[in-house]
Amino acid sequence: MKTFRKLVCLGLALLMMQSLSIVTYAQTPTDETELINTTEQLTSSDDNTFNLDMKQRIIVTEEYAKSNKNPLLRYGESEIPNVLKTEYKTTTVTPTGQNPSGTQFRNGGGFFVQTSGGYTMTVSFGLSWEVVNVGVSVGYAKTDNIGGILVNVPNQTDFFKVQLDKTYKFDRVLVDCYKYNQYQYSYYTTWKKLDSTSAYCVKV
């Protein structure tokens, strides 16, 4: 009987030791993961390469930088854009769908204008750092209600056409490229977007 009790106690002790070892093993990867994440955060925030001056930068062409993305950034790669300068440029277009001689509104009213659509024309904008080509949609205008915005004419006696002023925003950007938080090179690029559109009538 005493021998049986000893065997039972020994078996329980072995089971407890196995349980403890399993719990310890399960916690170890979590602790290591947290340590790795903390190390990466310290490296990112304390790395002096994130505060570069022009003497430290290696400038490559935008084409070279984009060819290395293949076409997107890969794991471990990152880019930090620095906006150096911003300029605004405006171009005037005449929406399609109008009478070349203009339209007279004897009973008042005006044009219904879709600011996008119609055909697209290429406009060259001369910026202080380069010339940028932009595909500009001329829009569409009719006297019938085609939706869009209504542009009323100033009077009922003259003939009018509607025009659009489209203003674009251009940013001169210096992009710093990193791989696993280590600086690689930099390149210049230009960001462009349509900033605003205004419609108005002009006398023919």
C-alpha atoms as a PDB file:
ATOM      1  CA  MET A   1       0.000   0.000   0.000  1.00  0.00           C
ATOM      2  CA  LYS A   2       2.839   2.381   0.908  1.00  0.00           C
ATOM      3  CA  THR A   3       4.537   1.527  -2.404  1.00  0.00           C
ATOM      4  CA  PHE A   4       1.356   2.369  -4.322  1.00  0.00           C
ATOM      5  CA  ARG A   5       1.042   5.757  -2.575  1.00  0.00           C
ATOM      6  CA  LYS A   6       4.662   6.595  -3.425  1.00  0.00           C
ATOM      7  CA  LEU A   7       4.053   5.751  -7.103  1.00  0.00           C
ATOM      8  CA  VAL A   8       0.944   7.961  -7.176  1.00  0.00           C
ATOM      9  CA  CYS A   9       2.823  10.889  -5.601  1.00  0.00           C
ATOM     10  CA  LEU A  10       5.695  10.484  -8.052  1.00  0.00           C
ATOM     11  CA  GLY A  11       3.279  10.487 -10.995  1.00  0.00           C
ATOM     12  CA  LEU A  12       1.580  13.682  -9.796  1.00  0.00           C
ATOM     13  CA  ALA A  13       4.953  15.361  -9.341  1.00  0.00           C
ATOM     14  CA  LEU A  14       5.954  14.496 -12.929  1.00  0.00           C
ATOM     15  CA  LEU A  15       2.677  15.874 -14.271  1.00  0.00           C
ATOM     16  CA  MET A  16       3.200  19.170 -12.416  1.00  0.00           C
ATOM     17  CA  MET A  17       6.730  19.508 -13.789  1.00  0.00           C
ATOM     18  CA  GLN A  18       5.487  18.958 -17.370  1.00  0.00           C
ATOM     19  CA  SER A  19       2.754  21.567 -16.907  1.00  0.00           C
ATOM     20  CA  LEU A  20       5.228  24.137 -15.656  1.00  0.00           C
ATOM     21  CA  SER A  21       7.564  23.531 -18.565  1.00  0.00           C
ATOM     22  CA  ILE A  22       4.710  23.913 -21.051  1.00  0.00           C
ATOM     23  CA  VAL A  23       3.642  27.257 -19.551  1.00  0.00           C
ATOM     24  CA  THR A  24       7.204  28.557 -19.585  1.00  0.00           C
ATOM     25  CA  TYR A  25       7.670  27.541 -23.232  1.00  0.00           C
ATOM     26  CA  ALA A  26       4.452  29.251 -24.302  1.00  0.00           C
ATOM     27  CA  GLN A  27       5.471  32.582 -22.752  1.00  0.00           C
ATOM     28  CA  THR A  28       8.965  32.721 -24.215  1.00  0.00           C
ATOM     29  CA  PRO A  29       8.081  33.657 -27.867  1.00  0.00           C
ATOM     30  CA  THR A  30       5.780  36.457 -26.650  1.00  0.00           C
ATOM     31  CA  ASP A  31       8.550  38.001 -24.556  1.00  0.00           C
ATOM     32  CA  GLU A  32      11.010  37.786 -27.457  1.00  0.00           C
ATOM     33  CA  THR A  33       8.539  39.403 -29.859  1.00  0.00           C
ATOM     34  CA  GLU A  34       7.965  42.318 -27.505  1.00  0.00           C
ATOM     35  CA  LEU A  35      11.722  42.759 -27.126  1.00  0.00           C
ATOM     36  CA  ILE A  36      12.219  42.799 -30.912  1.00  0.00           C
ATOM     37  CA  ASN A  37       9.445  45.382 -31.403  1.00  0.00           C
ATOM     38  CA  THR A  38      10.930  47.625 -28.706  1.00  0.00           C
ATOM     39  CA  THR A  39      14.361  47.399 -30.320  1.00  0.00           C
ATOM     40  CA  GLU A  40      12.956  48.371 -33.732  1.00  0.00           C
ATOM     41  CA  GLN A  41      11.171  51.393 -32.253  1.00  0.00           C
ATOM     42  CA  LEU A  42      14.353  52.590 -30.548  1.00  0.00           C
ATOM     43  CA  THR A  43      16.315  52.158 -33.764  1.00  0.00           C
ATOM     44  CA  SER A  44      13.757  54.114 -35.764  1.00  0.00           C
ATOM     45  CA  SER A  45      13.537  57.025 -33.346  1.00  0.00           C
ATOM     46  CA  ASP A  46      17.225  57.247 -32.465  1.00  0.00           C
ATOM     47  CA  ASP A  47      18.694  56.723 -35.938  1.00  0.00           C
ATOM     48  CA  ASN A  48      20.485  59.910 -37.000  1.00  0.00           C
ATOM     49  CA  THR A  49      19.961  59.155 -40.703  1.00  0.00           C
ATOM     50  CA  PHE A  50      16.368  60.350 -40.326  1.00  0.00           C
ATOM     51  CA  ASN A  51      17.744  63.888 -39.948  1.00  0.00           C
ATOM     52  CA  LEU A  52      19.782  64.230 -43.117  1.00  0.00           C
ATOM     53  CA  ASP A  53      21.304  67.325 -44.611  1.00  0.00           C
ATOM     54  CA  MET A  54      22.071  67.730 -48.307  1.00  0.00           C
ATOM     55  CA  LYS A  55      25.730  66.746 -47.869  1.00  0.00           C
ATOM     56  CA  GLN A  56      24.684  63.329 -46.559  1.00  0.00           C
ATOM     57  CA  ARG A  57      22.157  62.594 -49.275  1.00  0.00           C
ATOM     58  CA  ILE A  58      22.856  60.503 -52.374  1.00  0.00           C
ATOM     59  CA  ILE A  59      20.670  61.908 -55.160  1.00  0.00           C
ATOM     60  CA  VAL A  60      19.437  59.517 -57.877  1.00  0.00           C
ATOM     61  CA  THR A  61      16.941  60.023 -60.693  1.00  0.00           C
ATOM     62  CA  GLU A  62      13.248  59.451 -60.127  1.00  0.00           C
ATOM     63  CA  GLU A  63      13.289  56.800 -62.858  1.00  0.00           C
ATOM     64  CA  TYR A  64      15.983  54.844 -61.015  1.00  0.00           C
ATOM     65  CA  ALA A  65      14.119  55.053 -57.713  1.00  0.00           C
ATOM     66  CA  LYS A  66      10.823  53.905 -59.241  1.00  0.00           C
ATOM     67  CA  SER A  67      12.494  50.995 -61.051  1.00  0.00           C
ATOM     68  CA  ASN A  68      13.685  49.676 -57.684  1.00  0.00           C
ATOM     69  CA  LYS A  69      10.151  49.602 -56.261  1.00  0.00           C
ATOM     70  CA  ASN A  70       9.141  46.790 -58.618  1.00  0.00           C
ATOM     71  CA  PRO A  71       6.611  48.604 -58.736  1.00  0.00           C
ATOM     72  CA  LEU A  72       5.727  48.927 -55.030  1.00  0.00           C
ATOM     73  CA  LEU A  73       7.850  49.149 -51.910  1.00  0.00           C
ATOM     74  CA  ARG A  74       9.022  45.777 -50.633  1.00  0.00           C
ATOM     75  CA  TYR A  75       9.195  44.522 -47.059  1.00  0.00           C
ATOM     76  CA  GLY A  76      11.605  46.584 -44.992  1.00  0.00           C
ATOM     77  CA  GLU A  77      11.610  49.512 -47.426  1.00  0.00           C
ATOM     78  CA  SER A  78      10.186  52.937 -46.600  1.00  0.00           C
ATOM     79  CA  GLU A  79      10.117  56.453 -48.014  1.00  0.00           C
ATOM     80  CA  ILE A  80      10.003  59.792 -46.215  1.00  0.00           C
ATOM     81  CA  PRO A  81       8.803  62.718 -48.396  1.00  0.00           C
ATOM     82  CA  ASN A  82       9.955  66.261 -47.677  1.00  0.00           C
ATOM     83  CA  VAL A  83       7.905  69.024 -49.348  1.00  0.00           C
ATOM     84  CA  LEU A  84      10.359  71.742 -50.309  1.00  0.00           C
ATOM     85  CA  LYS A  85       8.179  74.155 -52.255  1.00  0.00           C
ATOM     86  CA  THR A  86       4.572  74.600 -53.398  1.00  0.00           C
ATOM     87  CA  GLU A  87       3.270  76.521 -56.393  1.00  0.00           C
ATOM     88  CA  TYR A  88      -0.192  77.032 -57.890  1.00  0.00           C
ATOM     89  CA  LYS A  89      -0.864  77.381 -61.614  1.00  0.00           C
ATOM     90  CA  THR A  90      -4.133  78.125 -63.427  1.00  0.00           C
ATOM     91  CA  THR A  91      -5.198  77.294 -66.955  1.00  0.00           C
ATOM     92  CA  THR A  92      -8.401  78.326 -68.780  1.00  0.00           C
ATOM     93  CA  VAL A  93     -10.399  75.864 -70.877  1.00  0.00           C
ATOM     94  CA  THR A  94     -13.615  76.084 -72.880  1.00  0.00           C
ATOM     95  CA  PRO A  95     -16.031  73.188 -72.294  1.00  0.00           C
ATOM     96  CA  THR A  96     -17.243  71.318 -75.365  1.00  0.00           C
ATOM     97  CA  GLY A  97     -20.903  71.177 -76.426  1.00  0.00           C
ATOM     98  CA  GLN A  98     -21.336  74.946 -76.908  1.00  0.00           C
ATOM     99  CA  ASN A  99     -22.323  76.971 -79.941  1.00  0.00           C
ATOM    100  CA  PRO A 100     -19.087  78.407 -81.441  1.00  0.00           C
ATOM    101  CA  SER A 101     -20.866  81.780 -81.846  1.00  0.00           C
ATOM    102  CA  GLY A 102     -22.154  81.768 -78.286  1.00  0.00           C
ATOM    103  CA  THR A 103     -25.678  81.532 -76.941  1.00  0.00           C
ATOM    104  CA  GLN A 104     -28.240  84.219 -76.189  1.00  0.00           C
ATOM    105  CA  PHE A 105     -30.624  83.615 -73.282  1.00  0.00           C
ATOM    106  CA  ARG A 106     -33.621  85.861 -74.039  1.00  0.00           C
ATOM    107  CA  ASN A 107     -35.563  84.468 -71.107  1.00  0.00           C
ATOM    108  CA  GLY A 108     -32.640  84.368 -68.723  1.00  0.00           C
ATOM    109  CA  GLY A 109     -30.933  81.273 -67.437  1.00  0.00           C
ATOM    110  CA  GLY A 110     -27.515  79.930 -68.253  1.00  0.00           C
ATOM    111  CA  PHE A 111     -25.313  76.939 -68.958  1.00  0.00           C
ATOM    112  CA  PHE A 112     -25.264  73.585 -67.200  1.00  0.00           C
ATOM    113  CA  VAL A 113     -21.617  72.581 -66.878  1.00  0.00           C
ATOM    114  CA  GLN A 114     -19.879  69.309 -66.144  1.00  0.00           C
ATOM    115  CA  THR A 115     -16.373  70.316 -65.090  1.00  0.00           C
ATOM    116  CA  SER A 116     -14.937  66.915 -65.970  1.00  0.00           C
ATOM    117  CA  GLY A 117     -15.453  64.928 -69.132  1.00  0.00           C
ATOM    118  CA  GLY A 118     -15.215  66.169 -72.682  1.00  0.00           C
ATOM    119  CA  TYR A 119     -11.817  65.679 -74.246  1.00  0.00           C
ATOM    120  CA  THR A 120      -8.480  65.941 -72.449  1.00  0.00           C
ATOM    121  CA  MET A 121      -5.815  68.382 -73.537  1.00  0.00           C
ATOM    122  CA  THR A 122      -2.171  68.428 -72.459  1.00  0.00           C
ATOM    123  CA  VAL A 123      -1.102  71.638 -70.743  1.00  0.00           C
ATOM    124  CA  SER A 124       2.527  72.463 -69.910  1.00  0.00           C
ATOM    125  CA  PHE A 125       3.011  74.351 -66.644  1.00  0.00           C
ATOM    126  CA  GLY A 126       6.290  76.186 -66.158  1.00  0.00           C
ATOM    127  CA  LEU A 127       7.310  75.818 -62.530  1.00  0.00           C
ATOM    128  CA  SER A 128      10.353  77.359 -60.899  1.00  0.00           C
ATOM    129  CA  TRP A 129      12.090  73.958 -60.834  1.00  0.00           C
ATOM    130  CA  GLU A 130      10.838  72.256 -64.043  1.00  0.00           C
ATOM    131  CA  VAL A 131       8.118  72.092 -66.688  1.00  0.00           C
ATOM    132  CA  VAL A 132       5.289  69.669 -65.891  1.00  0.00           C
ATOM    133  CA  ASN A 133       2.737  68.346 -68.385  1.00  0.00           C
ATOM    134  CA  VAL A 134      -0.792  67.729 -67.114  1.00  0.00           C
ATOM    135  CA  GLY A 135      -3.760  66.147 -68.845  1.00  0.00           C
ATOM    136  CA  VAL A 136      -6.591  68.646 -68.335  1.00  0.00           C
ATOM    137  CA  SER A 137     -10.228  67.711 -68.920  1.00  0.00           C
ATOM    138  CA  VAL A 138     -12.076  70.584 -70.630  1.00  0.00           C
ATOM    139  CA  GLY A 139     -15.508  69.578 -69.362  1.00  0.00           C
ATOM    140  CA  TYR A 140     -18.877  69.753 -71.080  1.00  0.00           C
ATOM    141  CA  ALA A 141     -21.558  72.496 -71.243  1.00  0.00           C
ATOM    142  CA  LYS A 142     -25.144  72.587 -72.554  1.00  0.00           C
ATOM    143  CA  THR A 143     -28.189  74.808 -72.250  1.00  0.00           C
ATOM    144  CA  ASP A 144     -30.228  71.717 -71.322  1.00  0.00           C
ATOM    145  CA  ASN A 145     -30.098  70.378 -67.794  1.00  0.00           C
ATOM    146  CA  ILE A 146     -27.358  67.748 -67.975  1.00  0.00           C
ATOM    147  CA  GLY A 147     -26.542  68.042 -64.279  1.00  0.00           C
ATOM    148  CA  GLY A 148     -23.396  69.595 -62.889  1.00  0.00           C
ATOM    149  CA  ILE A 149     -23.364  73.277 -62.006  1.00  0.00           C
ATOM    150  CA  LEU A 150     -25.568  76.092 -63.355  1.00  0.00           C
ATOM    151  CA  VAL A 151     -23.736  79.192 -64.585  1.00  0.00           C
ATOM    152  CA  ASN A 152     -26.183  82.039 -65.188  1.00  0.00           C
ATOM    153  CA  VAL A 153     -25.500  84.649 -67.879  1.00  0.00           C
ATOM    154  CA  PRO A 154     -25.193  88.343 -66.868  1.00  0.00           C
ATOM    155  CA  ASN A 155     -27.888  89.596 -69.274  1.00  0.00           C
ATOM    156  CA  GLN A 156     -30.460  88.515 -71.853  1.00  0.00           C
ATOM    157  CA  THR A 157     -29.188  90.519 -74.839  1.00  0.00           C
ATOM    158  CA  ASP A 158     -25.581  89.408 -75.459  1.00  0.00           C
ATOM    159  CA  PHE A 159     -24.217  86.080 -76.624  1.00  0.00           C
ATOM    160  CA  PHE A 160     -22.114  84.121 -74.141  1.00  0.00           C
ATOM    161  CA  LYS A 161     -19.929  81.098 -73.771  1.00  0.00           C
ATOM    162  CA  VAL A 162     -18.863  79.478 -70.525  1.00  0.00           C
ATOM    163  CA  GLN A 163     -15.241  78.926 -69.533  1.00  0.00           C
ATOM    164  CA  LEU A 164     -13.452  77.134 -66.701  1.00  0.00           C
ATOM    165  CA  ASP A 165     -10.433  78.202 -64.710  1.00  0.00           C
ATOM    166  CA  LYS A 166      -8.685  75.124 -63.353  1.00  0.00           C
ATOM    167  CA  THR A 167      -6.042  75.650 -60.691  1.00  0.00           C
ATOM    168  CA  TYR A 168      -3.472  72.950 -59.975  1.00  0.00           C
ATOM    169  CA  LYS A 169      -1.272  72.531 -56.938  1.00  0.00           C
ATOM    170  CA  PHE A 170       2.343  71.439 -57.475  1.00  0.00           C
ATOM    171  CA  ASP A 171       4.707  70.305 -54.717  1.00  0.00           C
ATOM    172  CA  ARG A 172       8.464  69.990 -55.123  1.00  0.00           C
ATOM    173  CA  VAL A 173       9.304  66.922 -53.026  1.00  0.00           C
ATOM    174  CA  LEU A 174      12.579  65.357 -51.935  1.00  0.00           C
ATOM    175  CA  VAL A 175      12.028  61.690 -51.055  1.00  0.00           C
ATOM    176  CA  ASP A 176      14.457  59.864 -48.743  1.00  0.00           C
ATOM    177  CA  CYS A 177      14.519  56.079 -49.217  1.00  0.00           C
ATOM    178  CA  TYR A 178      15.342  53.615 -46.443  1.00  0.00           C
ATOM    179  CA  LYS A 179      15.787  49.863 -46.175  1.00  0.00           C
ATOM    180  CA  TYR A 180      15.426  48.372 -42.711  1.00  0.00           C
ATOM    181  CA  ASN A 181      15.852  51.903 -41.297  1.00  0.00           C
ATOM    182  CA  GLN A 182      19.158  52.371 -43.117  1.00  0.00           C
ATOM    183  CA  TYR A 183      19.380  55.302 -45.520  1.00  0.00           C
ATOM    184  CA  GLN A 184      19.828  54.307 -49.188  1.00  0.00           C
ATOM    185  CA  TYR A 185      19.354  57.341 -51.458  1.00  0.00           C
ATOM    186  CA  SER A 186      17.063  60.274 -52.272  1.00  0.00           C
ATOM    187  CA  TYR A 187      15.242  61.526 -55.353  1.00  0.00           C
ATOM    188  CA  TYR A 188      13.226  64.564 -56.415  1.00  0.00           C
ATOM    189  CA  THR A 189       9.664  64.317 -57.654  1.00  0.00           C
ATOM    190  CA  THR A 190       6.687  66.600 -58.293  1.00  0.00           C
ATOM    191  CA  TRP A 191       3.263  65.985 -56.795  1.00  0.00           C
ATOM    192  CA  LYS A 192       0.371  67.463 -58.749  1.00  0.00           C
ATOM    193  CA  LYS A 193      -3.368  67.619 -58.184  1.00  0.00           C
ATOM    194  CA  LEU A 194      -6.384  69.669 -59.215  1.00  0.00           C
ATOM    195  CA  ASP A 195      -6.921  72.191 -56.437  1.00  0.00           C
ATOM    196  CA  SER A 196     -10.009  74.152 -57.582  1.00  0.00           C
ATOM    197  CA  THR A 197     -12.291  74.853 -60.547  1.00  0.00           C
ATOM    198  CA  SER A 198     -14.321  77.982 -61.218  1.00  0.00           C
ATOM    199  CA  ALA A 199     -16.867  78.505 -64.029  1.00  0.00           C
ATOM    200  CA  TYR A 200     -17.978  81.836 -65.524  1.00  0.00           C
ATOM    201  CA  CYS A 201     -19.538  83.321 -68.637  1.00  0.00           C
ATOM    202  CA  VAL A 202     -17.665  85.394 -71.217  1.00  0.00           C
ATOM    203  CA  LYS A 203     -19.227  87.625 -73.842  1.00  0.00           C
ATOM    204  CA  VAL A 204     -18.582  86.520 -77.435  1.00  0.00           C
END
